[in-house]
Amino acid sequence: AAGAGAGAGEDVPAEGAGADVFGGLTVGQLLRKGTVRKVRPLDRLGDLAEAMASSRSTAMAVVGEGGELLGLMTVNDVMHAYFEGVPPERRLRDWLESGRARAPGRLLPRIAVSPGQPLAQVAEKMVANAIAGDVACHHVVVQRSDGRLLGVLSSVDLVRVLCHHEALQHQPQVSDMFAPPDAEEKAATMTVRDAMKSSNRVFASTPKDTMKDALKVLLVTQQNSVLVVDNGGLHGFITPRDAVKAFADLEPRNTRISEHLRGRKESMEHRLVPIDMRLVDAAARMTALGIDHLAVVHPGGVEAVGVLSSLDVLAGTRPQAPLLRNIPLWRGGARRGGAPSRGKPRR
């Protein structure tokens, strides 16, 4: 079956494994039965977008008639299709075979993990895939050695474990597997400043830009969030989830961002975190809201000085964490007051 083999059943020691902030917890202890969402290869992209938008799912497994895993469709796939103007009637099979899918069958070994693997190794895999940039990095598929699909885990699932260890204490032996003191103390003392992307590594659009403008920035920079700012301040985010909702609603790609945000009716207040907040507290807010991105501000301020994503949290708490895309393909400059400016293509 697709995805079985290398990567799915190999428990290779993780880099810096002596400092496991997940306390030795494994994939199998986190995975919940019956939570994987499945679609068929002949389902349409539009149907997938509607299902993702209504369920707030960020990934769905494409399975064949015999239950074999054929690929993984993520919100980034829907975003790419929406940006390119792919019709909602396009079959998932065609998208997986188009060469533009983030996790088609041939790439599944790179995002496959086994139930016995430590979550620390899963975090390493996600960060490594994010640095590589050519495969889905916010999700992994959990498979048995025979290739049978058991579930899908996201970066938010792992972040939830970092701030809610007690939620897994009903699992056998978990209470005896907490992280070594050095790892737990490191995670407990880190602040948002230690893991966030600062304003010079964040990209932005204005409310007058179109959805297509914002999604172009996401696709070219391989980032998953664009801040919406102007001289009036911060107005919100555009993420792949916005593209999913727009695709499901048949929203024209030339819709202005301001119009899209009004339709979303979502306040930014709950997505603002101070730069000196404990990282574990910011992670708890992220998981409680079921979102992947928070805007970082100075205490008492409202102008963004950075962004914190679920992958930033994982990268920041891993041993010897490197900066993700330290030199981005597009550079973001700083506006007055520290708000990020629009990204400009490098000449």
C-alpha atoms as a PDB file:
ATOM      1  CA  ALA A   1       0.000   0.000   0.000  1.00  0.00           C
ATOM      2  CA  ALA A   2       1.132   3.545  -0.652  1.00  0.00           C
ATOM      3  CA  GLY A   3       3.051   5.033   2.249  1.00  0.00           C
ATOM      4  CA  ALA A   4       4.155   1.727   3.759  1.00  0.00           C
ATOM      5  CA  GLY A   5       7.853   1.106   4.155  1.00  0.00           C
ATOM      6  CA  ALA A   6      10.577   3.608   4.944  1.00  0.00           C
ATOM      7  CA  GLY A   7       9.415   6.243   7.373  1.00  0.00           C
ATOM      8  CA  ALA A   8       6.276   4.430   8.526  1.00  0.00           C
ATOM      9  CA  GLY A   9       7.828   1.849  10.818  1.00  0.00           C
ATOM     10  CA  GLU A  10      11.328   3.121  11.496  1.00  0.00           C
ATOM     11  CA  ASP A  11      11.969   4.368  15.016  1.00  0.00           C
ATOM     12  CA  VAL A  12      15.173   6.266  14.338  1.00  0.00           C
ATOM     13  CA  PRO A  13      16.552   8.112  17.377  1.00  0.00           C
ATOM     14  CA  ALA A  14      15.666  11.784  17.189  1.00  0.00           C
ATOM     15  CA  GLU A  15      18.345  14.447  17.186  1.00  0.00           C
ATOM     16  CA  GLY A  16      18.908  15.637  20.724  1.00  0.00           C
ATOM     17  CA  ALA A  17      16.628  12.911  22.063  1.00  0.00           C
ATOM     18  CA  GLY A  18      17.934  13.402  25.605  1.00  0.00           C
ATOM     19  CA  ALA A  19      15.717  16.479  26.009  1.00  0.00           C
ATOM     20  CA  ASP A  20      12.246  15.267  25.103  1.00  0.00           C
ATOM     21  CA  VAL A  21       9.694  17.952  25.966  1.00  0.00           C
ATOM     22  CA  PHE A  22       6.933  15.424  25.227  1.00  0.00           C
ATOM     23  CA  GLY A  23       8.123  13.242  28.086  1.00  0.00           C
ATOM     24  CA  GLY A  24       8.473  10.111  25.973  1.00  0.00           C
ATOM     25  CA  LEU A  25       4.840  10.079  24.864  1.00  0.00           C
ATOM     26  CA  THR A  26       4.259   8.118  21.678  1.00  0.00           C
ATOM     27  CA  VAL A  27       2.036   8.542  18.656  1.00  0.00           C
ATOM     28  CA  GLY A  28      -0.188   5.688  19.733  1.00  0.00           C
ATOM     29  CA  GLN A  29      -0.875   7.309  23.108  1.00  0.00           C
ATOM     30  CA  LEU A  30      -2.044  10.507  21.427  1.00  0.00           C
ATOM     31  CA  LEU A  31      -4.011   8.994  18.580  1.00  0.00           C
ATOM     32  CA  ARG A  32      -7.766   8.728  19.120  1.00  0.00           C
ATOM     33  CA  LYS A  33      -9.717   6.020  17.345  1.00  0.00           C
ATOM     34  CA  GLY A  34     -12.247   7.006  14.720  1.00  0.00           C
ATOM     35  CA  THR A  35     -11.004  10.578  14.286  1.00  0.00           C
ATOM     36  CA  VAL A  36      -9.422  10.276  10.836  1.00  0.00           C
ATOM     37  CA  ARG A  37     -11.519  11.908   8.113  1.00  0.00           C
ATOM     38  CA  LYS A  38     -11.511  10.110   4.787  1.00  0.00           C
ATOM     39  CA  VAL A  39     -12.465  11.070   1.240  1.00  0.00           C
ATOM     40  CA  ARG A  40     -12.523   9.121  -2.021  1.00  0.00           C
ATOM     41  CA  PRO A  41     -10.363   9.778  -5.110  1.00  0.00           C
ATOM     42  CA  LEU A  42     -13.441  10.577  -7.221  1.00  0.00           C
ATOM     43  CA  ASP A  43     -14.725  13.173  -4.752  1.00  0.00           C
ATOM     44  CA  ARG A  44     -14.548  16.771  -5.959  1.00  0.00           C
ATOM     45  CA  LEU A  45     -12.285  19.536  -4.711  1.00  0.00           C
ATOM     46  CA  GLY A  46     -15.341  21.663  -3.999  1.00  0.00           C
ATOM     47  CA  ASP A  47     -16.837  18.949  -1.808  1.00  0.00           C
ATOM     48  CA  LEU A  48     -13.529  18.614   0.029  1.00  0.00           C
ATOM     49  CA  ALA A  49     -13.420  22.371   0.672  1.00  0.00           C
ATOM     50  CA  GLU A  50     -16.983  22.333   2.013  1.00  0.00           C
ATOM     51  CA  ALA A  51     -16.198  19.390   4.300  1.00  0.00           C
ATOM     52  CA  MET A  52     -13.048  21.076   5.606  1.00  0.00           C
ATOM     53  CA  ALA A  53     -14.797  24.399   6.150  1.00  0.00           C
ATOM     54  CA  SER A  54     -17.730  22.866   8.030  1.00  0.00           C
ATOM     55  CA  SER A  55     -15.619  20.537  10.178  1.00  0.00           C
ATOM     56  CA  ARG A  56     -12.621  22.870  10.605  1.00  0.00           C
ATOM     57  CA  SER A  57     -10.424  19.951   9.553  1.00  0.00           C
ATOM     58  CA  THR A  58      -7.052  20.844   8.055  1.00  0.00           C
ATOM     59  CA  ALA A  59      -6.374  17.509   6.369  1.00  0.00           C
ATOM     60  CA  MET A  60      -8.300  14.504   5.019  1.00  0.00           C
ATOM     61  CA  ALA A  61      -6.985  11.139   3.888  1.00  0.00           C
ATOM     62  CA  VAL A  62      -7.755   9.971   0.346  1.00  0.00           C
ATOM     63  CA  VAL A  63      -8.429   6.234   0.452  1.00  0.00           C
ATOM     64  CA  GLY A  64      -9.228   3.724  -2.278  1.00  0.00           C
ATOM     65  CA  GLU A  65     -11.990   1.136  -2.433  1.00  0.00           C
ATOM     66  CA  GLY A  66      -9.871  -1.371  -0.515  1.00  0.00           C
ATOM     67  CA  GLY A  67      -9.022   1.141   2.211  1.00  0.00           C
ATOM     68  CA  GLU A  68      -5.505   1.785   0.869  1.00  0.00           C
ATOM     69  CA  LEU A  69      -4.080   5.251   1.474  1.00  0.00           C
ATOM     70  CA  LEU A  70      -3.606   7.133  -1.822  1.00  0.00           C
ATOM     71  CA  GLY A  71      -2.636  10.548  -0.501  1.00  0.00           C
ATOM     72  CA  LEU A  72      -3.378  13.294   1.986  1.00  0.00           C
ATOM     73  CA  MET A  73      -5.291  16.440   1.051  1.00  0.00           C
ATOM     74  CA  THR A  74      -4.547  19.483   3.214  1.00  0.00           C
ATOM     75  CA  VAL A  75      -5.788  23.053   3.404  1.00  0.00           C
ATOM     76  CA  ASN A  76      -2.672  24.044   1.475  1.00  0.00           C
ATOM     77  CA  ASP A  77      -3.805  21.921  -1.465  1.00  0.00           C
ATOM     78  CA  VAL A  78      -7.162  23.684  -1.497  1.00  0.00           C
ATOM     79  CA  MET A  79      -5.414  27.061  -1.246  1.00  0.00           C
ATOM     80  CA  HIS A  80      -3.202  26.236  -4.247  1.00  0.00           C
ATOM     81  CA  ALA A  81      -6.177  25.053  -6.295  1.00  0.00           C
ATOM     82  CA  TYR A  82      -8.196  28.169  -5.396  1.00  0.00           C
ATOM     83  CA  PHE A  83      -5.294  30.457  -6.301  1.00  0.00           C
ATOM     84  CA  GLU A  84      -4.880  28.804  -9.702  1.00  0.00           C
ATOM     85  CA  GLY A  85      -8.583  28.924 -10.460  1.00  0.00           C
ATOM     86  CA  VAL A  86      -9.010  25.139 -10.540  1.00  0.00           C
ATOM     87  CA  PRO A  87     -12.750  24.380 -10.889  1.00  0.00           C
ATOM     88  CA  PRO A  88     -14.518  22.883  -7.853  1.00  0.00           C
ATOM     89  CA  GLU A  89     -15.539  19.911 -10.049  1.00  0.00           C
ATOM     90  CA  ARG A  90     -11.931  18.695 -10.312  1.00  0.00           C
ATOM     91  CA  ARG A  91     -11.546  15.193  -8.882  1.00  0.00           C
ATOM     92  CA  LEU A  92      -9.157  14.602  -5.991  1.00  0.00           C
ATOM     93  CA  ARG A  93      -7.478  11.837  -8.001  1.00  0.00           C
ATOM     94  CA  ASP A  94      -6.619  14.335 -10.723  1.00  0.00           C
ATOM     95  CA  TRP A  95      -5.180  16.784  -8.193  1.00  0.00           C
ATOM     96  CA  LEU A  96      -3.024  14.102  -6.565  1.00  0.00           C
ATOM     97  CA  GLU A  97      -1.652  13.185 -10.010  1.00  0.00           C
ATOM     98  CA  SER A  98      -1.127  16.811 -11.116  1.00  0.00           C
ATOM     99  CA  GLY A  99       2.316  17.275  -9.558  1.00  0.00           C
ATOM    100  CA  ARG A 100       1.023  20.108  -7.364  1.00  0.00           C
ATOM    101  CA  ALA A 101      -0.281  18.062  -4.422  1.00  0.00           C
ATOM    102  CA  ARG A 102       1.567  18.407  -1.121  1.00  0.00           C
ATOM    103  CA  ALA A 103       1.212  14.746  -0.112  1.00  0.00           C
ATOM    104  CA  PRO A 104       0.492  12.437  -3.053  1.00  0.00           C
ATOM    105  CA  GLY A 105       1.168   8.710  -2.762  1.00  0.00           C
ATOM    106  CA  ARG A 106       4.828   8.980  -3.785  1.00  0.00           C
ATOM    107  CA  LEU A 107       5.566  11.432  -0.930  1.00  0.00           C
ATOM    108  CA  LEU A 108       3.639   9.624   1.797  1.00  0.00           C
ATOM    109  CA  PRO A 109       6.751   7.865   3.204  1.00  0.00           C
ATOM    110  CA  ARG A 110       8.122  11.284   4.159  1.00  0.00           C
ATOM    111  CA  ILE A 111       5.110  12.098   6.345  1.00  0.00           C
ATOM    112  CA  ALA A 112       4.444   8.570   7.648  1.00  0.00           C
ATOM    113  CA  VAL A 113       4.968   7.568  11.281  1.00  0.00           C
ATOM    114  CA  SER A 114       4.237   4.444  13.324  1.00  0.00           C
ATOM    115  CA  PRO A 115       2.176   4.202  16.529  1.00  0.00           C
ATOM    116  CA  GLY A 116       5.283   3.409  18.573  1.00  0.00           C
ATOM    117  CA  GLN A 117       7.303   6.454  17.557  1.00  0.00           C
ATOM    118  CA  PRO A 118       7.924   9.154  20.189  1.00  0.00           C
ATOM    119  CA  LEU A 119       6.151  12.459  19.569  1.00  0.00           C
ATOM    120  CA  ALA A 120       9.573  14.124  19.708  1.00  0.00           C
ATOM    121  CA  GLN A 121      10.461  12.330  16.474  1.00  0.00           C
ATOM    122  CA  VAL A 122       7.192  13.448  14.896  1.00  0.00           C
ATOM    123  CA  ALA A 123       7.984  17.066  15.768  1.00  0.00           C
ATOM    124  CA  GLU A 124      11.453  16.645  14.227  1.00  0.00           C
ATOM    125  CA  LYS A 125       9.890  15.246  11.053  1.00  0.00           C
ATOM    126  CA  MET A 126       7.452  18.155  10.759  1.00  0.00           C
ATOM    127  CA  VAL A 127      10.181  20.747  11.247  1.00  0.00           C
ATOM    128  CA  ALA A 128      12.477  18.974   8.765  1.00  0.00           C
ATOM    129  CA  ASN A 129       9.682  18.848   6.176  1.00  0.00           C
ATOM    130  CA  ALA A 130       8.973  22.542   6.743  1.00  0.00           C
ATOM    131  CA  ILE A 131      12.626  23.360   6.072  1.00  0.00           C
ATOM    132  CA  ALA A 132      12.628  21.190   2.938  1.00  0.00           C
ATOM    133  CA  GLY A 133       9.499  22.955   1.689  1.00  0.00           C
ATOM    134  CA  ASP A 134       8.490  20.353  -0.896  1.00  0.00           C
ATOM    135  CA  VAL A 135       6.057  18.221   1.109  1.00  0.00           C
ATOM    136  CA  ALA A 136       3.243  18.662   3.624  1.00  0.00           C
ATOM    137  CA  CYS A 137       4.764  19.678   6.961  1.00  0.00           C
ATOM    138  CA  HIS A 138       1.846  20.369   9.321  1.00  0.00           C
ATOM    139  CA  HIS A 139       0.562  16.777   9.264  1.00  0.00           C
ATOM    140  CA  VAL A 140       1.734  13.190   9.481  1.00  0.00           C
ATOM    141  CA  VAL A 141      -0.135   9.994   8.645  1.00  0.00           C
ATOM    142  CA  VAL A 142      -0.035   7.188  11.186  1.00  0.00           C
ATOM    143  CA  GLN A 143       0.307   3.734   9.619  1.00  0.00           C
ATOM    144  CA  ARG A 144       0.917   0.190  10.764  1.00  0.00           C
ATOM    145  CA  SER A 145       3.807  -1.754   9.273  1.00  0.00           C
ATOM    146  CA  ASP A 146       1.430  -3.219   6.678  1.00  0.00           C
ATOM    147  CA  GLY A 147       0.470   0.273   5.490  1.00  0.00           C
ATOM    148  CA  ARG A 148      -2.971   0.353   7.102  1.00  0.00           C
ATOM    149  CA  LEU A 149      -4.028   3.909   7.951  1.00  0.00           C
ATOM    150  CA  LEU A 150      -4.647   4.507  11.658  1.00  0.00           C
ATOM    151  CA  GLY A 151      -4.990   8.270  11.752  1.00  0.00           C
ATOM    152  CA  VAL A 152      -3.632  11.729  10.981  1.00  0.00           C
ATOM    153  CA  LEU A 153      -1.867  14.042  13.436  1.00  0.00           C
ATOM    154  CA  SER A 154      -1.367  17.787  13.009  1.00  0.00           C
ATOM    155  CA  SER A 155       1.130  20.235  14.464  1.00  0.00           C
ATOM    156  CA  VAL A 156      -1.677  21.625  16.635  1.00  0.00           C
ATOM    157  CA  ASP A 157      -2.209  18.148  18.087  1.00  0.00           C
ATOM    158  CA  LEU A 158       1.417  18.110  19.212  1.00  0.00           C
ATOM    159  CA  VAL A 159       1.236  21.647  20.582  1.00  0.00           C
ATOM    160  CA  ARG A 160      -1.822  20.593  22.602  1.00  0.00           C
ATOM    161  CA  VAL A 161       0.273  17.885  24.280  1.00  0.00           C
ATOM    162  CA  LEU A 162       2.930  20.419  25.278  1.00  0.00           C
ATOM    163  CA  CYS A 163       0.434  22.389  27.340  1.00  0.00           C
ATOM    164  CA  HIS A 164      -2.018  19.641  28.315  1.00  0.00           C
ATOM    165  CA  HIS A 165      -0.002  16.619  29.452  1.00  0.00           C
ATOM    166  CA  GLU A 166      -2.690  15.894  32.016  1.00  0.00           C
ATOM    167  CA  ALA A 167      -5.183  15.173  29.235  1.00  0.00           C
ATOM    168  CA  LEU A 168      -3.251  11.993  28.435  1.00  0.00           C
ATOM    169  CA  GLN A 169      -2.733  10.748  31.984  1.00  0.00           C
ATOM    170  CA  HIS A 170      -5.480   8.151  31.512  1.00  0.00           C
ATOM    171  CA  GLN A 171      -3.215   6.361  29.068  1.00  0.00           C
ATOM    172  CA  PRO A 172      -1.188   3.416  30.459  1.00  0.00           C
ATOM    173  CA  GLN A 173       2.203   4.381  31.938  1.00  0.00           C
ATOM    174  CA  VAL A 174       2.016   8.021  30.868  1.00  0.00           C
ATOM    175  CA  SER A 175       2.331   9.197  34.457  1.00  0.00           C
ATOM    176  CA  ASP A 176       5.795   7.579  34.585  1.00  0.00           C
ATOM    177  CA  MET A 177       6.988   9.140  31.330  1.00  0.00           C
ATOM    178  CA  PHE A 178       7.168  12.868  31.960  1.00  0.00           C
ATOM    179  CA  ALA A 179      10.029  14.783  30.433  1.00  0.00           C
ATOM    180  CA  PRO A 180      13.389  15.024  32.165  1.00  0.00           C
ATOM    181  CA  PRO A 181      13.645  18.116  34.385  1.00  0.00           C
ATOM    182  CA  ASP A 182      15.953  19.957  31.986  1.00  0.00           C
ATOM    183  CA  ALA A 183      13.519  19.613  29.086  1.00  0.00           C
ATOM    184  CA  GLU A 184      10.427  20.504  31.098  1.00  0.00           C
ATOM    185  CA  GLU A 185      12.141  23.480  32.725  1.00  0.00           C
ATOM    186  CA  LYS A 186      13.287  24.758  29.357  1.00  0.00           C
ATOM    187  CA  ALA A 187       9.788  24.568  27.899  1.00  0.00           C
ATOM    188  CA  ALA A 188       8.224  26.126  31.013  1.00  0.00           C
ATOM    189  CA  THR A 189      10.545  29.155  31.016  1.00  0.00           C
ATOM    190  CA  MET A 190      10.428  29.936  27.294  1.00  0.00           C
ATOM    191  CA  THR A 191       8.444  32.984  26.191  1.00  0.00           C
ATOM    192  CA  VAL A 192       6.726  33.844  22.945  1.00  0.00           C
ATOM    193  CA  ARG A 193       9.778  35.935  22.028  1.00  0.00           C
ATOM    194  CA  ASP A 194      11.923  32.771  21.985  1.00  0.00           C
ATOM    195  CA  ALA A 195       9.879  31.014  19.279  1.00  0.00           C
ATOM    196  CA  MET A 196       8.034  33.631  17.216  1.00  0.00           C
ATOM    197  CA  LYS A 197       8.854  34.925  13.743  1.00  0.00           C
ATOM    198  CA  SER A 198       9.789  38.586  14.181  1.00  0.00           C
ATOM    199  CA  SER A 199       8.357  41.330  11.983  1.00  0.00           C
ATOM    200  CA  ASN A 200      11.252  41.249   9.500  1.00  0.00           C
ATOM    201  CA  ARG A 201      10.364  37.627   8.721  1.00  0.00           C
ATOM    202  CA  VAL A 202       6.602  38.185   8.445  1.00  0.00           C
ATOM    203  CA  PHE A 203       4.734  39.158   5.302  1.00  0.00           C
ATOM    204  CA  ALA A 204       1.698  41.374   5.021  1.00  0.00           C
ATOM    205  CA  SER A 205      -1.034  42.587   2.719  1.00  0.00           C
ATOM    206  CA  THR A 206      -3.378  45.555   3.016  1.00  0.00           C
ATOM    207  CA  PRO A 207      -7.167  45.409   3.288  1.00  0.00           C
ATOM    208  CA  LYS A 208      -7.368  46.793  -0.268  1.00  0.00           C
ATOM    209  CA  ASP A 209      -5.426  43.871  -1.731  1.00  0.00           C
ATOM    210  CA  THR A 210      -7.306  40.925  -3.174  1.00  0.00           C
ATOM    211  CA  MET A 211      -7.454  37.392  -1.864  1.00  0.00           C
ATOM    212  CA  LYS A 212      -5.350  36.312  -4.831  1.00  0.00           C
ATOM    213  CA  ASP A 213      -2.686  38.874  -3.874  1.00  0.00           C
ATOM    214  CA  ALA A 214      -2.460  37.483  -0.338  1.00  0.00           C
ATOM    215  CA  LEU A 215      -2.415  33.849  -1.446  1.00  0.00           C
ATOM    216  CA  LYS A 216       0.375  34.599  -3.919  1.00  0.00           C
ATOM    217  CA  VAL A 217       2.492  35.790  -0.995  1.00  0.00           C
ATOM    218  CA  LEU A 218       1.740  32.574   0.913  1.00  0.00           C
ATOM    219  CA  LEU A 219       2.591  30.342  -2.026  1.00  0.00           C
ATOM    220  CA  VAL A 220       5.781  32.156  -3.062  1.00  0.00           C
ATOM    221  CA  THR A 221       7.165  32.464   0.479  1.00  0.00           C
ATOM    222  CA  GLN A 222       5.920  29.031   1.589  1.00  0.00           C
ATOM    223  CA  GLN A 223       4.496  30.611   4.713  1.00  0.00           C
ATOM    224  CA  ASN A 224       1.057  29.861   6.133  1.00  0.00           C
ATOM    225  CA  SER A 225      -0.015  33.306   7.292  1.00  0.00           C
ATOM    226  CA  VAL A 226      -0.121  36.849   5.987  1.00  0.00           C
ATOM    227  CA  LEU A 227      -0.936  39.722   8.311  1.00  0.00           C
ATOM    228  CA  VAL A 228      -3.457  42.263   7.052  1.00  0.00           C
ATOM    229  CA  VAL A 229      -2.221  45.737   8.036  1.00  0.00           C
ATOM    230  CA  ASP A 230      -2.399  49.354   6.936  1.00  0.00           C
ATOM    231  CA  ASN A 231      -1.799  52.721   8.569  1.00  0.00           C
ATOM    232  CA  GLY A 232      -4.858  52.049  10.703  1.00  0.00           C
ATOM    233  CA  GLY A 233      -3.225  49.028  12.291  1.00  0.00           C
ATOM    234  CA  LEU A 234      -3.722  45.281  12.282  1.00  0.00           C
ATOM    235  CA  HIS A 235      -6.949  43.952  10.744  1.00  0.00           C
ATOM    236  CA  GLY A 236      -6.439  40.198  10.746  1.00  0.00           C
ATOM    237  CA  PHE A 237      -4.777  37.186   9.147  1.00  0.00           C
ATOM    238  CA  ILE A 238      -5.098  35.425   5.835  1.00  0.00           C
ATOM    239  CA  THR A 239      -4.241  31.731   6.108  1.00  0.00           C
ATOM    240  CA  PRO A 240      -4.954  28.606   4.046  1.00  0.00           C
ATOM    241  CA  ARG A 241      -8.158  28.170   6.054  1.00  0.00           C
ATOM    242  CA  ASP A 242      -9.424  31.398   4.518  1.00  0.00           C
ATOM    243  CA  ALA A 243      -8.779  29.980   1.066  1.00  0.00           C
ATOM    244  CA  VAL A 244     -10.735  26.837   2.000  1.00  0.00           C
ATOM    245  CA  LYS A 245     -13.729  28.922   3.096  1.00  0.00           C
ATOM    246  CA  ALA A 246     -13.495  31.114  -0.005  1.00  0.00           C
ATOM    247  CA  PHE A 247     -13.288  28.090  -2.312  1.00  0.00           C
ATOM    248  CA  ALA A 248     -16.247  26.413  -0.586  1.00  0.00           C
ATOM    249  CA  ASP A 249     -18.307  29.619  -0.878  1.00  0.00           C
ATOM    250  CA  LEU A 250     -17.278  30.180  -4.530  1.00  0.00           C
ATOM    251  CA  GLU A 251     -15.861  33.560  -3.531  1.00  0.00           C
ATOM    252  CA  PRO A 252     -14.150  35.311  -6.483  1.00  0.00           C
ATOM    253  CA  ARG A 253     -10.374  35.478  -6.179  1.00  0.00           C
ATOM    254  CA  ASN A 254     -10.450  39.230  -6.828  1.00  0.00           C
ATOM    255  CA  THR A 255     -12.490  39.793  -3.651  1.00  0.00           C
ATOM    256  CA  ARG A 256     -10.831  42.462  -1.539  1.00  0.00           C
ATOM    257  CA  ILE A 257      -9.385  41.195   1.716  1.00  0.00           C
ATOM    258  CA  SER A 258     -11.420  43.745   3.688  1.00  0.00           C
ATOM    259  CA  GLU A 259     -14.629  42.284   2.253  1.00  0.00           C
ATOM    260  CA  HIS A 260     -13.513  38.735   3.006  1.00  0.00           C
ATOM    261  CA  LEU A 261     -12.663  39.605   6.621  1.00  0.00           C
ATOM    262  CA  ARG A 262     -16.031  41.293   7.131  1.00  0.00           C
ATOM    263  CA  GLY A 263     -17.748  38.117   5.998  1.00  0.00           C
ATOM    264  CA  ARG A 264     -15.683  36.059   8.414  1.00  0.00           C
ATOM    265  CA  LYS A 265     -16.916  38.104  11.403  1.00  0.00           C
ATOM    266  CA  GLU A 266     -13.990  37.131  13.584  1.00  0.00           C
ATOM    267  CA  SER A 267     -12.383  39.425  16.143  1.00  0.00           C
ATOM    268  CA  MET A 268      -8.604  39.730  16.245  1.00  0.00           C
ATOM    269  CA  GLU A 269      -8.525  40.473  19.946  1.00  0.00           C
ATOM    270  CA  HIS A 270      -8.338  36.826  21.014  1.00  0.00           C
ATOM    271  CA  ARG A 271      -5.479  36.207  18.550  1.00  0.00           C
ATOM    272  CA  LEU A 272      -3.156  38.800  20.115  1.00  0.00           C
ATOM    273  CA  VAL A 273      -0.525  37.598  22.607  1.00  0.00           C
ATOM    274  CA  PRO A 274       2.125  39.700  24.380  1.00  0.00           C
ATOM    275  CA  ILE A 275       5.718  39.014  23.466  1.00  0.00           C
ATOM    276  CA  ASP A 276       6.617  38.209  27.086  1.00  0.00           C
ATOM    277  CA  MET A 277       3.831  35.630  27.577  1.00  0.00           C
ATOM    278  CA  ARG A 278       4.996  32.156  28.515  1.00  0.00           C
ATOM    279  CA  LEU A 279       5.172  30.019  25.398  1.00  0.00           C
ATOM    280  CA  VAL A 280       3.156  27.254  27.033  1.00  0.00           C
ATOM    281  CA  ASP A 281       0.348  29.751  27.784  1.00  0.00           C
ATOM    282  CA  ALA A 282       0.316  30.993  24.186  1.00  0.00           C
ATOM    283  CA  ALA A 283       0.233  27.383  23.020  1.00  0.00           C
ATOM    284  CA  ALA A 284      -2.724  26.730  25.314  1.00  0.00           C
ATOM    285  CA  ARG A 285      -4.630  29.634  23.787  1.00  0.00           C
ATOM    286  CA  MET A 286      -3.810  28.415  20.281  1.00  0.00           C
ATOM    287  CA  THR A 287      -5.117  24.932  20.954  1.00  0.00           C
ATOM    288  CA  ALA A 288      -8.178  26.109  22.912  1.00  0.00           C
ATOM    289  CA  LEU A 289      -9.220  28.206  19.911  1.00  0.00           C
ATOM    290  CA  GLY A 290      -8.265  25.518  17.397  1.00  0.00           C
ATOM    291  CA  ILE A 291      -6.088  27.895  15.365  1.00  0.00           C
ATOM    292  CA  ASP A 292      -2.549  27.750  14.008  1.00  0.00           C
ATOM    293  CA  HIS A 293      -1.442  31.395  14.227  1.00  0.00           C
ATOM    294  CA  LEU A 294      -1.300  34.174  16.800  1.00  0.00           C
ATOM    295  CA  ALA A 295      -0.188  37.780  16.324  1.00  0.00           C
ATOM    296  CA  VAL A 296       2.506  38.951  18.752  1.00  0.00           C
ATOM    297  CA  VAL A 297       2.349  42.432  20.291  1.00  0.00           C
ATOM    298  CA  HIS A 298       4.217  44.335  22.982  1.00  0.00           C
ATOM    299  CA  PRO A 299       2.437  44.278  26.371  1.00  0.00           C
ATOM    300  CA  GLY A 300      -0.500  46.660  26.163  1.00  0.00           C
ATOM    301  CA  GLY A 301       0.082  47.259  22.455  1.00  0.00           C
ATOM    302  CA  VAL A 302      -1.918  46.377  19.372  1.00  0.00           C
ATOM    303  CA  GLU A 303       0.677  46.619  16.585  1.00  0.00           C
ATOM    304  CA  ALA A 304       2.107  43.298  15.469  1.00  0.00           C
ATOM    305  CA  VAL A 305       5.812  42.705  16.095  1.00  0.00           C
ATOM    306  CA  GLY A 306       5.709  39.096  14.962  1.00  0.00           C
ATOM    307  CA  VAL A 307       3.694  35.925  14.435  1.00  0.00           C
ATOM    308  CA  LEU A 308       3.634  32.659  16.386  1.00  0.00           C
ATOM    309  CA  SER A 309       2.532  29.491  14.587  1.00  0.00           C
ATOM    310  CA  SER A 310       2.077  25.914  15.785  1.00  0.00           C
ATOM    311  CA  LEU A 311       5.220  24.916  13.882  1.00  0.00           C
ATOM    312  CA  ASP A 312       7.125  27.787  15.524  1.00  0.00           C
ATOM    313  CA  VAL A 313       6.178  26.317  18.907  1.00  0.00           C
ATOM    314  CA  LEU A 314       7.447  22.870  17.897  1.00  0.00           C
ATOM    315  CA  ALA A 315      10.623  24.292  16.383  1.00  0.00           C
ATOM    316  CA  GLY A 316      11.246  26.506  19.396  1.00  0.00           C
ATOM    317  CA  THR A 317      10.962  23.714  21.947  1.00  0.00           C
ATOM    318  CA  ARG A 318      13.032  21.137  20.094  1.00  0.00           C
ATOM    319  CA  PRO A 319      16.735  20.757  20.982  1.00  0.00           C
ATOM    320  CA  GLN A 320      19.007  23.152  19.104  1.00  0.00           C
ATOM    321  CA  ALA A 321      16.064  24.452  17.086  1.00  0.00           C
ATOM    322  CA  PRO A 322      17.093  26.186  13.843  1.00  0.00           C
ATOM    323  CA  LEU A 323      15.244  29.196  12.499  1.00  0.00           C
ATOM    324  CA  LEU A 324      12.697  28.146   9.893  1.00  0.00           C
ATOM    325  CA  ARG A 325      13.528  29.864   6.615  1.00  0.00           C
ATOM    326  CA  ASN A 326      15.864  32.363   8.251  1.00  0.00           C
ATOM    327  CA  ILE A 327      16.341  34.063   4.874  1.00  0.00           C
ATOM    328  CA  PRO A 328      12.880  34.043   3.252  1.00  0.00           C
ATOM    329  CA  LEU A 329      12.320  34.077  -0.479  1.00  0.00           C
ATOM    330  CA  TRP A 330      10.557  37.414  -0.019  1.00  0.00           C
ATOM    331  CA  ARG A 331      11.754  39.992   2.454  1.00  0.00           C
ATOM    332  CA  GLY A 332       9.371  41.758   4.823  1.00  0.00           C
ATOM    333  CA  GLY A 333      10.377  45.203   6.014  1.00  0.00           C
ATOM    334  CA  ALA A 334       9.122  47.124   9.049  1.00  0.00           C
ATOM    335  CA  ARG A 335       6.560  49.901   8.910  1.00  0.00           C
ATOM    336  CA  ARG A 336       6.419  52.749  11.393  1.00  0.00           C
ATOM    337  CA  GLY A 337       5.541  51.399  14.800  1.00  0.00           C
ATOM    338  CA  GLY A 338       6.847  47.929  14.014  1.00  0.00           C
ATOM    339  CA  ALA A 339       4.015  46.623  11.864  1.00  0.00           C
ATOM    340  CA  PRO A 340       5.250  44.377   9.060  1.00  0.00           C
ATOM    341  CA  SER A 341       5.147  45.734   5.542  1.00  0.00           C
ATOM    342  CA  ARG A 342       4.125  44.029   2.338  1.00  0.00           C
ATOM    343  CA  GLY A 343       6.582  41.519   0.999  1.00  0.00           C
ATOM    344  CA  LYS A 344       8.371  42.518  -2.198  1.00  0.00           C
ATOM    345  CA  PRO A 345       9.758  39.978  -4.651  1.00  0.00           C
ATOM    346  CA  ARG A 346      13.517  39.842  -4.732  1.00  0.00           C
ATOM    347  CA  ARG A 347      14.948  41.203  -7.939  1.00  0.00           C
END
